[in-house]
C-alpha cells in the first residue's frame, strides 16, 4: 500500500481514489499505517463488523479463513465494477498495472 501512496499524483491525475479495505480492526489499521510512517493520501477502511460483509459482496472473502483475498477492484463513478485482479496473499499488486487499467477507462 505504500507504493500507492508514492503514486498518489498519478492516481489523482486519472481522477481515481485509492481506498484500502480489510477485515482488520480500525486499531490494527492505525498501527499498520504508522509502521510505514503513515498513510495520508487515501482512507483505510475496516470491514470488521460484521466481519467481511463488504468483501463478501465483491466475492473476495475467504469465509473458512476469516480473511480476504489480496484484490484490486476498480469501481467507476456510477458503481460499476470495471476491473478485478486477485493476487496471492503475499504478492503486492503492481501500481503500474492499476494505472494502466485506469488509463483504459478514460
Protein backbone atom coordinates (compact mmCIF):
# COMPACT_ATOMS: atom_id res chain seq x y z
CA UNK A 1 0.00 0.00 0.00
CA UNK A 2 2.84 2.50 0.50
CA UNK A 3 3.51 2.23 -3.25
CA UNK A 4 0.02 3.63 -3.83
CA UNK A 5 0.87 6.49 -1.52
CA UNK A 6 4.01 7.14 -3.58
CA UNK A 7 1.92 7.18 -6.79
CA UNK A 8 -0.81 9.41 -5.39
CA UNK A 9 -0.31 12.15 -8.00
CA UNK A 10 -0.66 9.64 -10.85
CA UNK A 11 -3.89 8.23 -9.41
CA UNK A 12 -5.19 11.73 -8.86
CA UNK A 13 -4.36 12.69 -12.47
CA UNK A 14 -6.60 9.80 -13.59
CA UNK A 15 -9.38 11.03 -11.27
CA UNK A 16 -9.07 7.87 -9.17
CA UNK A 17 -9.42 7.49 -5.41
CA UNK A 18 -7.41 4.70 -3.80
CA UNK A 19 -9.13 3.05 -0.83
CA UNK A 20 -7.58 0.35 1.33
CA UNK A 21 -10.01 -2.08 2.93
CA UNK A 22 -9.52 -5.19 5.02
CA UNK A 23 -11.29 -7.23 7.66
CA UNK A 24 -8.87 -5.95 10.32
CA UNK A 25 -9.97 -3.53 13.04
CA UNK A 26 -9.51 0.23 12.96
CA UNK A 27 -6.83 -0.06 15.68
CA UNK A 28 -4.97 -2.58 13.53
CA UNK A 29 -5.13 -0.23 10.53
CA UNK A 30 -3.76 2.65 12.59
CA UNK A 31 -0.83 0.55 13.79
CA UNK A 32 -0.17 -0.78 10.29
CA UNK A 33 -0.20 2.70 8.72
CA UNK A 34 2.14 4.02 11.42
CA UNK A 35 4.59 1.22 10.67
CA UNK A 36 5.04 2.77 7.21
CA UNK A 37 5.31 6.32 8.51
CA UNK A 38 1.62 6.98 7.91
CA UNK A 39 -0.79 6.69 5.01
CA UNK A 40 -2.05 10.16 4.18
CA UNK A 41 -3.49 10.17 0.68
CA UNK A 42 -6.17 7.52 0.92
CA UNK A 43 -8.51 6.08 3.54
CA UNK A 44 -8.10 2.69 5.19
CA UNK A 45 -11.50 1.13 5.81
CA UNK A 46 -12.28 -1.63 8.31
CA UNK A 47 -14.64 -4.34 7.04
CA UNK A 48 -14.59 -5.63 10.59
CA UNK A 49 -18.17 -5.97 11.82
CA UNK A 50 -19.98 -7.82 10.54
CA UNK A 51 -16.65 -9.26 9.51
CA UNK A 52 -16.08 -9.35 5.77
CA UNK A 53 -19.51 -8.10 4.72
CA UNK A 54 -18.13 -5.78 2.02
CA UNK A 55 -15.58 -8.38 0.87
CA UNK A 56 -18.39 -10.91 0.54
CA UNK A 57 -20.29 -8.52 -1.72
CA UNK A 58 -17.26 -8.35 -4.02
CA UNK A 59 -16.62 -12.10 -3.86
CA UNK A 60 -13.20 -11.84 -2.22
CA UNK A 61 -13.87 -13.09 1.32
CA UNK A 62 -12.32 -16.36 2.44
CA UNK A 63 -15.00 -17.43 4.90
CA UNK A 64 -13.12 -20.51 6.11
CA UNK A 65 -10.06 -18.39 6.99
CA UNK A 66 -11.77 -15.15 8.03
CA UNK A 67 -9.62 -13.09 5.65
CA UNK A 68 -9.93 -11.50 2.25
CA UNK A 69 -8.15 -12.16 -0.98
CA UNK A 70 -5.46 -9.68 -1.95
CA UNK A 71 -7.51 -7.98 -4.63
CA UNK A 72 -7.60 -4.81 -6.66
CA UNK A 73 -11.08 -3.75 -7.66
CA UNK A 74 -11.75 -0.73 -9.83
CA UNK A 75 -15.26 0.67 -9.49
CA UNK A 76 -16.29 3.53 -11.75
CA UNK A 77 -18.17 6.62 -10.57
CA UNK A 78 -21.51 5.01 -11.37
CA UNK A 79 -20.74 1.99 -9.17
CA UNK A 80 -19.93 -0.47 -11.96
CA UNK A 81 -17.04 -2.84 -11.36
CA UNK A 82 -14.63 -2.34 -14.26
CA UNK A 83 -11.66 -4.46 -13.16
CA UNK A 84 -10.89 -7.17 -10.63
CA UNK A 85 -7.44 -8.64 -10.13
CA UNK A 86 -6.87 -11.20 -7.35
CA UNK A 87 -3.33 -11.96 -6.19
CA UNK A 88 -1.71 -14.40 -3.80
CA UNK A 89 -1.79 -13.05 -0.24
CA UNK A 90 1.98 -12.48 -0.22
CA UNK A 91 2.01 -10.73 -3.60
CA UNK A 92 1.72 -6.98 -3.89
CA UNK A 93 -0.27 -5.73 -6.89
CA UNK A 94 1.80 -3.51 -9.17
CA UNK A 95 0.62 0.13 -9.14
CA UNK A 96 1.76 0.48 -12.77
CA UNK A 97 -0.72 -2.22 -13.82
CA UNK A 98 -3.53 -0.49 -11.93
CA UNK A 99 -2.65 2.86 -13.50
CA UNK A 100 -2.68 1.19 -16.92
CA UNK A 101 -6.17 -0.21 -16.27
CA UNK A 102 -7.38 3.21 -15.11
CA UNK A 103 -5.96 4.78 -18.25
CA UNK A 104 -8.07 2.37 -20.34
CA UNK A 105 -11.21 3.72 -18.66
CA UNK A 106 -10.56 7.33 -19.66
